[in-house]
Amino acid sequence: MGNPKHTEVSVARQSPQRPDADEPELDDTTGAAQPDEIEEIDRPAGPVDRALWDELRIDPVEIALPAGTGFTLRAYRPASSLTPTDVAERDLDDPFLARRQVIEEEEDDETVVILDEELAEEFADSDEDDSKRRRDGAAETAAEDEDEDEDVADEADDEEVPVFLSNKGKLLLFKTPESLVSFIRSGAPNDLSQLDSWNELSERVEPADIVPLDEDTYELDLVVENLRGGHDTWDSTLLIEAGEVARDLSYALRLPAVLDMLSAGSSLDDLDEALRATANGGIGAFMGRRRLKKIGAQTASLGWRTIVGKISAVVDWRD
């Protein structure tokens, strides 16, 4: 991140040339534009004041998906201070997920019935002996395991994790800064309202403040097409940043399937590592390019099409 996605090209405005002395000046009848008829072009007023976002530790984000482009908000906080988004209602709307949950519950309820009473007694005696040996062995390591688990839990709780402007497992995307600010001020339920800086944001934010930084602007709509173009056309910045926001979204919105597809050791994680190596330059860039040539363009594009589809499925578009 940090590399801008778009290169701004500034064109120097040439000073108007004086008419040649031998050429007659054009009058109104020739159709020449007069100074007061030239249309004014709106120019950016200058850099946006980032003080609000830096102070409240919340950032505006722009995400482009196949269905359109929208604005939302993202923050990072320690995991121990956040309540994860509630996906129960969202999962009920997914018939495939609901069916899988029913099957898992049925499997958990299965019991084994033994009709022979003598055989049942033998199984019971054997199970009791095995249970006693397991209890004796477990007692020796229980204290050590408990201490290790506590250390791991403490580290996980202290880790900063992403949280988006979402509600009940749905990412809220707004097509205009005005509609986003209107929602922030409305007091409607959302997952960012648990932050201690949320109330102050709702009082101070203005539509003019909704200007994401380049590194907070993501073009997921271009990823699949870029990958289909082949290794020589792959855009490292586009794909790396897409991976970062996809990981953030899959964690915050509780999309385990997407997290698995981007987890360490996966083919898409290998793609990400190779792209980062090429972007960093040096000998690593050479090795990264060699690794990229081993990654199938079709496999990568199909994987990312699945990821973009799963993220798009949990977006709640707001006008």
C-alpha atoms as a PDB file:
ATOM      1  CA  MET A   1       0.000   0.000   0.000  1.00  0.00           C
ATOM      2  CA  GLY A   2       0.996   3.562  -0.189  1.00  0.00           C
ATOM      3  CA  ASN A   3       1.573   3.507  -3.951  1.00  0.00           C
ATOM      4  CA  PRO A   4      -1.120   5.566  -5.620  1.00  0.00           C
ATOM      5  CA  LYS A   5      -3.335   3.670  -8.018  1.00  0.00           C
ATOM      6  CA  HIS A   6      -3.650   6.513 -10.457  1.00  0.00           C
ATOM      7  CA  THR A   7      -0.943   8.665 -11.944  1.00  0.00           C
ATOM      8  CA  GLU A   8      -2.014  12.232 -12.225  1.00  0.00           C
ATOM      9  CA  VAL A   9      -0.828  13.869 -15.438  1.00  0.00           C
ATOM     10  CA  SER A  10      -0.518  17.612 -15.239  1.00  0.00           C
ATOM     11  CA  VAL A  11      -0.606  19.464 -18.541  1.00  0.00           C
ATOM     12  CA  ALA A  12       1.028  22.880 -18.588  1.00  0.00           C
ATOM     13  CA  ARG A  13      -1.336  25.527 -19.806  1.00  0.00           C
ATOM     14  CA  GLN A  14       0.279  27.424 -22.673  1.00  0.00           C
ATOM     15  CA  SER A  15       0.098  31.184 -22.677  1.00  0.00           C
ATOM     16  CA  PRO A  16      -2.055  32.597 -25.463  1.00  0.00           C
ATOM     17  CA  GLN A  17      -0.012  33.614 -28.480  1.00  0.00           C
ATOM     18  CA  ARG A  18      -0.250  37.131 -29.797  1.00  0.00           C
ATOM     19  CA  PRO A  19      -1.884  37.412 -33.222  1.00  0.00           C
ATOM     20  CA  ASP A  20       0.489  37.904 -36.122  1.00  0.00           C
ATOM     21  CA  ALA A  21       0.732  41.506 -37.219  1.00  0.00           C
ATOM     22  CA  ASP A  22      -0.262  40.555 -40.760  1.00  0.00           C
ATOM     23  CA  GLU A  23      -3.372  38.661 -39.673  1.00  0.00           C
ATOM     24  CA  PRO A  24      -6.575  40.583 -38.959  1.00  0.00           C
ATOM     25  CA  GLU A  25      -8.035  40.127 -35.500  1.00  0.00           C
ATOM     26  CA  LEU A  26     -11.200  38.065 -35.404  1.00  0.00           C
ATOM     27  CA  ASP A  27     -14.360  39.860 -34.431  1.00  0.00           C
ATOM     28  CA  ASP A  28     -17.612  38.543 -32.992  1.00  0.00           C
ATOM     29  CA  THR A  29     -18.876  37.510 -36.417  1.00  0.00           C
ATOM     30  CA  THR A  30     -16.081  34.952 -36.826  1.00  0.00           C
ATOM     31  CA  GLY A  31     -17.238  32.931 -33.833  1.00  0.00           C
ATOM     32  CA  ALA A  32     -14.087  33.416 -31.786  1.00  0.00           C
ATOM     33  CA  ALA A  33     -14.639  32.905 -28.074  1.00  0.00           C
ATOM     34  CA  GLN A  34     -14.496  35.996 -25.925  1.00  0.00           C
ATOM     35  CA  PRO A  35     -12.852  35.892 -22.473  1.00  0.00           C
ATOM     36  CA  ASP A  36     -16.153  36.125 -20.634  1.00  0.00           C
ATOM     37  CA  GLU A  37     -17.554  33.199 -22.655  1.00  0.00           C
ATOM     38  CA  ILE A  38     -14.894  30.669 -21.615  1.00  0.00           C
ATOM     39  CA  GLU A  39     -16.407  28.042 -19.282  1.00  0.00           C
ATOM     40  CA  GLU A  40     -14.851  27.855 -15.853  1.00  0.00           C
ATOM     41  CA  ILE A  41     -13.500  24.421 -14.853  1.00  0.00           C
ATOM     42  CA  ASP A  42     -13.871  23.376 -11.233  1.00  0.00           C
ATOM     43  CA  ARG A  43     -10.515  22.706  -9.615  1.00  0.00           C
ATOM     44  CA  PRO A  44      -9.826  20.959  -6.300  1.00  0.00           C
ATOM     45  CA  ALA A  45      -9.706  23.519  -3.523  1.00  0.00           C
ATOM     46  CA  GLY A  46      -6.542  21.929  -2.134  1.00  0.00           C
ATOM     47  CA  PRO A  47      -5.633  19.070   0.187  1.00  0.00           C
ATOM     48  CA  VAL A  48      -8.407  17.835   2.441  1.00  0.00           C
ATOM     49  CA  ASP A  49      -7.980  18.446   6.150  1.00  0.00           C
ATOM     50  CA  ARG A  50      -7.132  15.056   7.662  1.00  0.00           C
ATOM     51  CA  ALA A  51      -7.207  16.288  11.259  1.00  0.00           C
ATOM     52  CA  LEU A  52     -10.706  14.893  11.882  1.00  0.00           C
ATOM     53  CA  TRP A  53      -9.864  11.386  10.706  1.00  0.00           C
ATOM     54  CA  ASP A  54      -6.461  11.293  12.385  1.00  0.00           C
ATOM     55  CA  GLU A  55      -7.932  12.452  15.684  1.00  0.00           C
ATOM     56  CA  LEU A  56     -10.845   9.994  15.703  1.00  0.00           C
ATOM     57  CA  ARG A  57      -8.865   7.124  14.144  1.00  0.00           C
ATOM     58  CA  ILE A  58     -11.538   6.365  11.573  1.00  0.00           C
ATOM     59  CA  ASP A  59     -10.999   6.585   7.816  1.00  0.00           C
ATOM     60  CA  PRO A  60     -13.257   7.018   4.794  1.00  0.00           C
ATOM     61  CA  VAL A  61     -12.862   4.213   2.269  1.00  0.00           C
ATOM     62  CA  GLU A  62     -13.928   3.918  -1.355  1.00  0.00           C
ATOM     63  CA  ILE A  63     -14.589   0.468  -2.817  1.00  0.00           C
ATOM     64  CA  ALA A  64     -15.399  -0.281  -6.450  1.00  0.00           C
ATOM     65  CA  LEU A  65     -17.309  -3.506  -7.128  1.00  0.00           C
ATOM     66  CA  PRO A  66     -18.923  -4.836 -10.309  1.00  0.00           C
ATOM     67  CA  ALA A  67     -22.251  -3.342  -9.151  1.00  0.00           C
ATOM     68  CA  GLY A  68     -20.804   0.133  -8.613  1.00  0.00           C
ATOM     69  CA  THR A  69     -18.596   2.295  -6.431  1.00  0.00           C
ATOM     70  CA  GLY A  70     -19.417   3.332  -2.890  1.00  0.00           C
ATOM     71  CA  PHE A  71     -18.068   5.021   0.215  1.00  0.00           C
ATOM     72  CA  THR A  72     -17.853   3.510   3.679  1.00  0.00           C
ATOM     73  CA  LEU A  73     -15.760   3.813   6.849  1.00  0.00           C
ATOM     74  CA  ARG A  74     -13.097   1.618   8.449  1.00  0.00           C
ATOM     75  CA  ALA A  75     -11.233   1.641  11.741  1.00  0.00           C
ATOM     76  CA  TYR A  76      -8.700  -0.567  13.510  1.00  0.00           C
ATOM     77  CA  ARG A  77      -9.067  -1.377  17.198  1.00  0.00           C
ATOM     78  CA  PRO A  78      -7.858  -4.077  19.637  1.00  0.00           C
ATOM     79  CA  ALA A  79      -9.925  -7.229  19.215  1.00  0.00           C
ATOM     80  CA  SER A  80     -10.746  -7.241  22.937  1.00  0.00           C
ATOM     81  CA  SER A  81     -12.541  -3.880  22.616  1.00  0.00           C
ATOM     82  CA  LEU A  82     -14.841  -4.898  19.744  1.00  0.00           C
ATOM     83  CA  THR A  83     -18.061  -6.868  19.524  1.00  0.00           C
ATOM     84  CA  PRO A  84     -18.059  -8.780  16.206  1.00  0.00           C
ATOM     85  CA  THR A  85     -20.846  -8.126  13.760  1.00  0.00           C
ATOM     86  CA  ASP A  86     -23.885 -10.374  14.246  1.00  0.00           C
ATOM     87  CA  VAL A  87     -24.245 -12.611  11.181  1.00  0.00           C
ATOM     88  CA  ALA A  88     -27.133 -14.757  12.427  1.00  0.00           C
ATOM     89  CA  GLU A  89     -29.740 -12.947  10.348  1.00  0.00           C
ATOM     90  CA  ARG A  90     -27.509 -12.857   7.276  1.00  0.00           C
ATOM     91  CA  ASP A  91     -26.774 -16.574   7.463  1.00  0.00           C
ATOM     92  CA  LEU A  92     -30.470 -17.392   7.728  1.00  0.00           C
ATOM     93  CA  ASP A  93     -30.923 -15.707   4.345  1.00  0.00           C
ATOM     94  CA  ASP A  94     -28.378 -18.118   2.824  1.00  0.00           C
ATOM     95  CA  PRO A  95     -30.260 -21.382   2.055  1.00  0.00           C
ATOM     96  CA  PHE A  96     -27.040 -23.342   1.452  1.00  0.00           C
ATOM     97  CA  LEU A  97     -25.506 -22.251   4.742  1.00  0.00           C
ATOM     98  CA  ALA A  98     -28.739 -22.913   6.623  1.00  0.00           C
ATOM     99  CA  ARG A  99     -28.949 -26.445   5.172  1.00  0.00           C
ATOM    100  CA  ARG A 100     -25.327 -27.156   6.145  1.00  0.00           C
ATOM    101  CA  GLN A 101     -26.013 -26.062   9.715  1.00  0.00           C
ATOM    102  CA  VAL A 102     -29.011 -28.428   9.917  1.00  0.00           C
ATOM    103  CA  ILE A 103     -26.859 -31.336   8.720  1.00  0.00           C
ATOM    104  CA  GLU A 104     -24.152 -30.555  11.268  1.00  0.00           C
ATOM    105  CA  GLU A 105     -26.721 -30.449  14.074  1.00  0.00           C
ATOM    106  CA  GLU A 106     -28.161 -33.794  12.962  1.00  0.00           C
ATOM    107  CA  GLU A 107     -24.698 -35.358  12.962  1.00  0.00           C
ATOM    108  CA  ASP A 108     -24.045 -34.055  16.469  1.00  0.00           C
ATOM    109  CA  ASP A 109     -27.275 -35.664  17.712  1.00  0.00           C
ATOM    110  CA  GLU A 110     -26.426 -39.129  16.374  1.00  0.00           C
ATOM    111  CA  THR A 111     -26.029 -41.859  19.050  1.00  0.00           C
ATOM    112  CA  VAL A 112     -24.849 -45.473  18.874  1.00  0.00           C
ATOM    113  CA  VAL A 113     -27.238 -48.165  20.203  1.00  0.00           C
ATOM    114  CA  ILE A 114     -25.790 -51.544  21.311  1.00  0.00           C
ATOM    115  CA  LEU A 115     -28.422 -54.241  21.745  1.00  0.00           C
ATOM    116  CA  ASP A 116     -26.274 -56.981  23.323  1.00  0.00           C
ATOM    117  CA  GLU A 117     -26.166 -56.268  27.091  1.00  0.00           C
ATOM    118  CA  GLU A 118     -23.024 -58.342  27.779  1.00  0.00           C
ATOM    119  CA  LEU A 119     -21.174 -56.651  24.925  1.00  0.00           C
ATOM    120  CA  ALA A 120     -22.350 -53.296  26.235  1.00  0.00           C
ATOM    121  CA  GLU A 121     -20.880 -54.070  29.692  1.00  0.00           C
ATOM    122  CA  GLU A 122     -17.522 -54.950  28.128  1.00  0.00           C
ATOM    123  CA  PHE A 123     -17.515 -51.673  26.205  1.00  0.00           C
ATOM    124  CA  ALA A 124     -18.397 -49.775  29.381  1.00  0.00           C
ATOM    125  CA  ASP A 125     -15.541 -51.378  31.373  1.00  0.00           C
ATOM    126  CA  SER A 126     -13.078 -50.701  28.554  1.00  0.00           C
ATOM    127  CA  ASP A 127     -14.242 -47.101  28.204  1.00  0.00           C
ATOM    128  CA  GLU A 128     -13.857 -46.547  31.952  1.00  0.00           C
ATOM    129  CA  ASP A 129     -10.254 -47.817  31.914  1.00  0.00           C
ATOM    130  CA  ASP A 130      -9.408 -45.673  28.905  1.00  0.00           C
ATOM    131  CA  SER A 131     -11.016 -42.651  30.504  1.00  0.00           C
ATOM    132  CA  LYS A 132      -8.992 -43.100  33.703  1.00  0.00           C
ATOM    133  CA  ARG A 133      -5.717 -43.285  31.756  1.00  0.00           C
ATOM    134  CA  ARG A 134      -6.632 -40.192  29.756  1.00  0.00           C
ATOM    135  CA  ARG A 135      -7.518 -38.257  32.909  1.00  0.00           C
ATOM    136  CA  ASP A 136      -4.223 -39.192  34.565  1.00  0.00           C
ATOM    137  CA  GLY A 137      -2.241 -38.125  31.507  1.00  0.00           C
ATOM    138  CA  ALA A 138      -4.190 -34.928  30.988  1.00  0.00           C
ATOM    139  CA  ALA A 139      -3.759 -33.826  34.597  1.00  0.00           C
ATOM    140  CA  GLU A 140       0.008 -33.642  34.152  1.00  0.00           C
ATOM    141  CA  THR A 141      -0.130 -31.135  31.277  1.00  0.00           C
ATOM    142  CA  ALA A 142      -3.364 -29.265  32.009  1.00  0.00           C
ATOM    143  CA  ALA A 143      -1.680 -26.423  33.897  1.00  0.00           C
ATOM    144  CA  GLU A 144       0.935 -25.891  31.174  1.00  0.00           C
ATOM    145  CA  ASP A 145      -1.669 -25.897  28.404  1.00  0.00           C
ATOM    146  CA  GLU A 146      -3.821 -23.428  30.317  1.00  0.00           C
ATOM    147  CA  ASP A 147      -0.931 -20.998  30.707  1.00  0.00           C
ATOM    148  CA  GLU A 148      -0.079 -21.248  27.005  1.00  0.00           C
ATOM    149  CA  ASP A 149      -3.713 -20.713  26.006  1.00  0.00           C
ATOM    150  CA  GLU A 150      -3.914 -17.619  28.194  1.00  0.00           C
ATOM    151  CA  ASP A 151      -0.789 -16.163  26.593  1.00  0.00           C
ATOM    152  CA  VAL A 152      -2.117 -16.783  23.094  1.00  0.00           C
ATOM    153  CA  ALA A 153      -5.505 -15.303  24.014  1.00  0.00           C
ATOM    154  CA  ASP A 154      -3.884 -12.176  25.452  1.00  0.00           C
ATOM    155  CA  GLU A 155      -1.854 -11.657  22.287  1.00  0.00           C
ATOM    156  CA  ALA A 156      -4.945 -12.108  20.111  1.00  0.00           C
ATOM    157  CA  ASP A 157      -6.958  -9.653  22.205  1.00  0.00           C
ATOM    158  CA  ASP A 158      -4.237  -7.007  21.920  1.00  0.00           C
ATOM    159  CA  GLU A 159      -4.001  -7.305  18.132  1.00  0.00           C
ATOM    160  CA  GLU A 160      -5.683  -4.496  16.206  1.00  0.00           C
ATOM    161  CA  VAL A 161      -8.331  -5.777  13.821  1.00  0.00           C
ATOM    162  CA  PRO A 162     -10.504  -4.051  11.204  1.00  0.00           C
ATOM    163  CA  VAL A 163     -14.090  -2.971  11.723  1.00  0.00           C
ATOM    164  CA  PHE A 164     -16.207  -1.401   8.970  1.00  0.00           C
ATOM    165  CA  LEU A 165     -19.412   0.586   8.780  1.00  0.00           C
ATOM    166  CA  SER A 166     -21.569  -2.518   8.726  1.00  0.00           C
ATOM    167  CA  ASN A 167     -24.672  -3.960  10.322  1.00  0.00           C
ATOM    168  CA  LYS A 168     -25.667  -7.588  10.901  1.00  0.00           C
ATOM    169  CA  GLY A 169     -22.913  -8.915   8.682  1.00  0.00           C
ATOM    170  CA  LYS A 170     -23.640  -6.520   5.800  1.00  0.00           C
ATOM    171  CA  LEU A 171     -21.192  -3.890   4.550  1.00  0.00           C
ATOM    172  CA  LEU A 172     -22.922  -0.524   4.158  1.00  0.00           C
ATOM    173  CA  LEU A 173     -21.821   1.222   0.950  1.00  0.00           C
ATOM    174  CA  PHE A 174     -23.031   4.705   0.023  1.00  0.00           C
ATOM    175  CA  LYS A 175     -22.982   6.092  -3.501  1.00  0.00           C
ATOM    176  CA  THR A 176     -22.422   9.702  -2.440  1.00  0.00           C
ATOM    177  CA  PRO A 177     -20.625  11.446   0.443  1.00  0.00           C
ATOM    178  CA  GLU A 178     -23.897  13.191   1.287  1.00  0.00           C
ATOM    179  CA  SER A 179     -25.781   9.937   1.807  1.00  0.00           C
ATOM    180  CA  LEU A 180     -22.942   8.559   3.946  1.00  0.00           C
ATOM    181  CA  VAL A 181     -22.904  11.640   6.193  1.00  0.00           C
ATOM    182  CA  SER A 182     -26.699  11.561   6.448  1.00  0.00           C
ATOM    183  CA  PHE A 183     -26.515   7.971   7.709  1.00  0.00           C
ATOM    184  CA  ILE A 184     -23.754   8.785  10.202  1.00  0.00           C
ATOM    185  CA  ARG A 185     -25.881  11.578  11.672  1.00  0.00           C
ATOM    186  CA  SER A 186     -29.072   9.493  11.711  1.00  0.00           C
ATOM    187  CA  GLY A 187     -28.173   7.383  14.729  1.00  0.00           C
ATOM    188  CA  ALA A 188     -29.041   4.180  12.844  1.00  0.00           C
ATOM    189  CA  PRO A 189     -27.516   0.987  14.295  1.00  0.00           C
ATOM    190  CA  ASN A 190     -24.145  -0.056  12.934  1.00  0.00           C
ATOM    191  CA  ASP A 191     -20.962  -1.791  14.099  1.00  0.00           C
ATOM    192  CA  LEU A 192     -18.878   1.399  14.276  1.00  0.00           C
ATOM    193  CA  SER A 193     -21.213   2.983  16.821  1.00  0.00           C
ATOM    194  CA  GLN A 194     -19.465   0.952  19.548  1.00  0.00           C
ATOM    195  CA  LEU A 195     -16.334   3.098  19.095  1.00  0.00           C
ATOM    196  CA  ASP A 196     -15.805   5.821  21.687  1.00  0.00           C
ATOM    197  CA  SER A 197     -15.147   8.355  18.909  1.00  0.00           C
ATOM    198  CA  TRP A 198     -18.349   7.647  16.971  1.00  0.00           C
ATOM    199  CA  ASN A 199     -20.542  10.281  18.610  1.00  0.00           C
ATOM    200  CA  GLU A 200     -17.980  12.990  17.987  1.00  0.00           C
ATOM    201  CA  LEU A 201     -17.701  11.948  14.344  1.00  0.00           C
ATOM    202  CA  SER A 202     -21.461  12.186  13.901  1.00  0.00           C
ATOM    203  CA  GLU A 203     -21.372  15.738  15.230  1.00  0.00           C
ATOM    204  CA  ARG A 204     -18.422  17.001  13.210  1.00  0.00           C
ATOM    205  CA  VAL A 205     -18.313  15.196   9.864  1.00  0.00           C
ATOM    206  CA  GLU A 206     -19.315  17.009   6.667  1.00  0.00           C
ATOM    207  CA  PRO A 207     -19.702  15.674   3.102  1.00  0.00           C
ATOM    208  CA  ALA A 208     -16.537  17.552   2.097  1.00  0.00           C
ATOM    209  CA  ASP A 209     -14.603  15.384   4.575  1.00  0.00           C
ATOM    210  CA  ILE A 210     -15.434  12.162   2.716  1.00  0.00           C
ATOM    211  CA  VAL A 211     -12.307  12.077   0.567  1.00  0.00           C
ATOM    212  CA  PRO A 212     -10.461   8.741   0.905  1.00  0.00           C
ATOM    213  CA  LEU A 213      -6.709   8.636   0.542  1.00  0.00           C
ATOM    214  CA  ASP A 214      -5.282   6.829  -2.478  1.00  0.00           C
ATOM    215  CA  GLU A 215      -4.296   3.888  -0.268  1.00  0.00           C
ATOM    216  CA  ASP A 216      -7.887   3.683   1.010  1.00  0.00           C
ATOM    217  CA  THR A 217      -9.365   3.435  -2.494  1.00  0.00           C
ATOM    218  CA  TYR A 218      -9.833  -0.100  -3.816  1.00  0.00           C
ATOM    219  CA  GLU A 219     -10.824  -1.262  -7.295  1.00  0.00           C
ATOM    220  CA  LEU A 220     -12.094  -4.795  -6.804  1.00  0.00           C
ATOM    221  CA  ASP A 221     -14.057  -4.475 -10.032  1.00  0.00           C
ATOM    222  CA  LEU A 222     -10.816  -4.507 -12.057  1.00  0.00           C
ATOM    223  CA  VAL A 223      -9.063  -7.444 -10.397  1.00  0.00           C
ATOM    224  CA  VAL A 224     -10.498 -10.367 -12.373  1.00  0.00           C
ATOM    225  CA  GLU A 225     -10.067  -8.649 -15.733  1.00  0.00           C
ATOM    226  CA  ASN A 226      -6.488  -7.699 -14.879  1.00  0.00           C
ATOM    227  CA  LEU A 227      -5.616 -11.277 -13.955  1.00  0.00           C
ATOM    228  CA  ARG A 228      -7.155 -12.602 -17.153  1.00  0.00           C
ATOM    229  CA  GLY A 229      -4.769 -10.439 -19.150  1.00  0.00           C
ATOM    230  CA  GLY A 230      -1.816 -12.646 -18.278  1.00  0.00           C
ATOM    231  CA  HIS A 231       1.371 -12.278 -16.268  1.00  0.00           C
ATOM    232  CA  ASP A 232       2.783  -9.402 -18.315  1.00  0.00           C
ATOM    233  CA  THR A 233      -0.236  -7.175 -17.616  1.00  0.00           C
ATOM    234  CA  TRP A 234      -0.718  -7.868 -13.912  1.00  0.00           C
ATOM    235  CA  ASP A 235      -0.894  -4.668 -11.867  1.00  0.00           C
ATOM    236  CA  SER A 236       0.985  -5.298  -8.608  1.00  0.00           C
ATOM    237  CA  THR A 237      -0.464  -2.294  -6.766  1.00  0.00           C
ATOM    238  CA  LEU A 238      -4.041  -3.095  -7.795  1.00  0.00           C
ATOM    239  CA  LEU A 239      -3.785  -6.753  -6.776  1.00  0.00           C
ATOM    240  CA  ILE A 240      -1.871  -6.225  -3.517  1.00  0.00           C
ATOM    241  CA  GLU A 241      -4.303  -3.615  -2.272  1.00  0.00           C
ATOM    242  CA  ALA A 242      -7.251  -5.767  -3.340  1.00  0.00           C
ATOM    243  CA  GLY A 243      -5.860  -8.569  -1.192  1.00  0.00           C
ATOM    244  CA  GLU A 244      -5.488  -6.265   1.796  1.00  0.00           C
ATOM    245  CA  VAL A 245      -9.048  -4.946   1.713  1.00  0.00           C
ATOM    246  CA  ALA A 246     -10.438  -8.433   0.982  1.00  0.00           C
ATOM    247  CA  ARG A 247      -8.720  -9.759   4.123  1.00  0.00           C
ATOM    248  CA  ASP A 248     -10.042  -6.844   6.163  1.00  0.00           C
ATOM    249  CA  LEU A 249     -13.572  -7.295   4.866  1.00  0.00           C
ATOM    250  CA  SER A 250     -13.599 -11.066   5.304  1.00  0.00           C
ATOM    251  CA  TYR A 251     -12.453 -10.686   8.917  1.00  0.00           C
ATOM    252  CA  ALA A 252     -14.794  -7.838   9.829  1.00  0.00           C
ATOM    253  CA  LEU A 253     -17.823  -9.329   8.046  1.00  0.00           C
ATOM    254  CA  ARG A 254     -17.041 -12.891   9.173  1.00  0.00           C
ATOM    255  CA  LEU A 255     -16.511 -14.546   5.800  1.00  0.00           C
ATOM    256  CA  PRO A 256     -14.414 -17.620   6.672  1.00  0.00           C
ATOM    257  CA  ALA A 257     -14.450 -18.949   3.103  1.00  0.00           C
ATOM    258  CA  VAL A 258     -12.712 -15.799   1.839  1.00  0.00           C
ATOM    259  CA  LEU A 259     -10.225 -15.866   4.713  1.00  0.00           C
ATOM    260  CA  ASP A 260      -9.344 -19.452   3.820  1.00  0.00           C
ATOM    261  CA  MET A 261      -8.791 -18.570   0.170  1.00  0.00           C
ATOM    262  CA  LEU A 262      -6.350 -15.810   1.183  1.00  0.00           C
ATOM    263  CA  SER A 263      -4.725 -17.633   4.112  1.00  0.00           C
ATOM    264  CA  ALA A 264      -1.007 -18.354   4.328  1.00  0.00           C
ATOM    265  CA  GLY A 265       0.034 -21.116   1.966  1.00  0.00           C
ATOM    266  CA  SER A 266      -2.928 -20.721  -0.394  1.00  0.00           C
ATOM    267  CA  SER A 267      -2.374 -20.142  -4.117  1.00  0.00           C
ATOM    268  CA  LEU A 268      -3.718 -16.588  -3.864  1.00  0.00           C
ATOM    269  CA  ASP A 269      -1.418 -15.878  -0.921  1.00  0.00           C
ATOM    270  CA  ASP A 270       1.491 -17.135  -3.042  1.00  0.00           C
ATOM    271  CA  LEU A 271       0.375 -14.694  -5.731  1.00  0.00           C
ATOM    272  CA  ASP A 272       0.312 -11.872  -3.192  1.00  0.00           C
ATOM    273  CA  GLU A 273       3.808 -12.696  -1.889  1.00  0.00           C
ATOM    274  CA  ALA A 274       5.252 -12.858  -5.404  1.00  0.00           C
ATOM    275  CA  LEU A 275       3.657  -9.532  -6.350  1.00  0.00           C
ATOM    276  CA  ARG A 276       5.091  -7.878  -3.238  1.00  0.00           C
ATOM    277  CA  ALA A 277       8.528  -9.235  -4.077  1.00  0.00           C
ATOM    278  CA  THR A 278       8.398  -7.771  -7.583  1.00  0.00           C
ATOM    279  CA  ALA A 279       7.199  -4.424  -6.241  1.00  0.00           C
ATOM    280  CA  ASN A 280      10.060  -4.210  -3.723  1.00  0.00           C
ATOM    281  CA  GLY A 281      12.747  -4.449  -6.413  1.00  0.00           C
ATOM    282  CA  GLY A 282      16.253  -5.886  -6.095  1.00  0.00           C
ATOM    283  CA  ILE A 283      17.062  -9.575  -6.253  1.00  0.00           C
ATOM    284  CA  GLY A 284      13.709 -10.270  -4.640  1.00  0.00           C
ATOM    285  CA  ALA A 285      11.969  -8.808  -7.685  1.00  0.00           C
ATOM    286  CA  PHE A 286      13.750 -11.303  -9.951  1.00  0.00           C
ATOM    287  CA  MET A 287      12.704 -14.215  -7.759  1.00  0.00           C
ATOM    288  CA  GLY A 288       9.191 -12.794  -7.504  1.00  0.00           C
ATOM    289  CA  ARG A 289       8.811 -12.686 -11.292  1.00  0.00           C
ATOM    290  CA  ARG A 290       9.925 -16.300 -11.502  1.00  0.00           C
ATOM    291  CA  ARG A 291       7.323 -17.272  -8.916  1.00  0.00           C
ATOM    292  CA  LEU A 292       4.617 -15.334 -10.765  1.00  0.00           C
ATOM    293  CA  LYS A 293       5.226 -17.304 -13.976  1.00  0.00           C
ATOM    294  CA  LYS A 294       4.392 -20.491 -12.072  1.00  0.00           C
ATOM    295  CA  ILE A 295       0.976 -19.168 -11.016  1.00  0.00           C
ATOM    296  CA  GLY A 296      -1.795 -19.923 -13.473  1.00  0.00           C
ATOM    297  CA  ALA A 297      -3.668 -16.853 -14.681  1.00  0.00           C
ATOM    298  CA  GLN A 298      -6.908 -18.823 -15.023  1.00  0.00           C
ATOM    299  CA  THR A 299      -6.656 -20.239 -11.498  1.00  0.00           C
ATOM    300  CA  ALA A 300      -5.936 -16.806 -10.036  1.00  0.00           C
ATOM    301  CA  SER A 301      -8.771 -15.098 -11.930  1.00  0.00           C
ATOM    302  CA  LEU A 302     -11.292 -17.807 -10.966  1.00  0.00           C
ATOM    303  CA  GLY A 303     -10.265 -17.555  -7.318  1.00  0.00           C
ATOM    304  CA  TRP A 304     -10.615 -13.802  -7.274  1.00  0.00           C
ATOM    305  CA  ARG A 305     -13.948 -13.961  -9.090  1.00  0.00           C
ATOM    306  CA  THR A 306     -15.213 -16.098  -6.224  1.00  0.00           C
ATOM    307  CA  ILE A 307     -13.858 -13.656  -3.626  1.00  0.00           C
ATOM    308  CA  VAL A 308     -15.385 -10.603  -5.311  1.00  0.00           C
ATOM    309  CA  GLY A 309     -18.679 -12.460  -5.623  1.00  0.00           C
ATOM    310  CA  LYS A 310     -18.775 -13.395  -1.938  1.00  0.00           C
ATOM    311  CA  ILE A 311     -17.965  -9.833  -0.867  1.00  0.00           C
ATOM    312  CA  SER A 312     -20.550  -8.395  -3.263  1.00  0.00           C
ATOM    313  CA  ALA A 313     -23.162 -10.749  -1.780  1.00  0.00           C
ATOM    314  CA  VAL A 314     -22.841  -9.132   1.664  1.00  0.00           C
ATOM    315  CA  VAL A 315     -23.020  -5.493   0.525  1.00  0.00           C
ATOM    316  CA  ASP A 316     -26.004  -3.346   1.467  1.00  0.00           C
ATOM    317  CA  TRP A 317     -26.080  -0.530  -1.095  1.00  0.00           C
ATOM    318  CA  ARG A 318     -27.417   2.789   0.143  1.00  0.00           C
ATOM    319  CA  ASP A 319     -28.232   5.769  -2.107  1.00  0.00           C
END
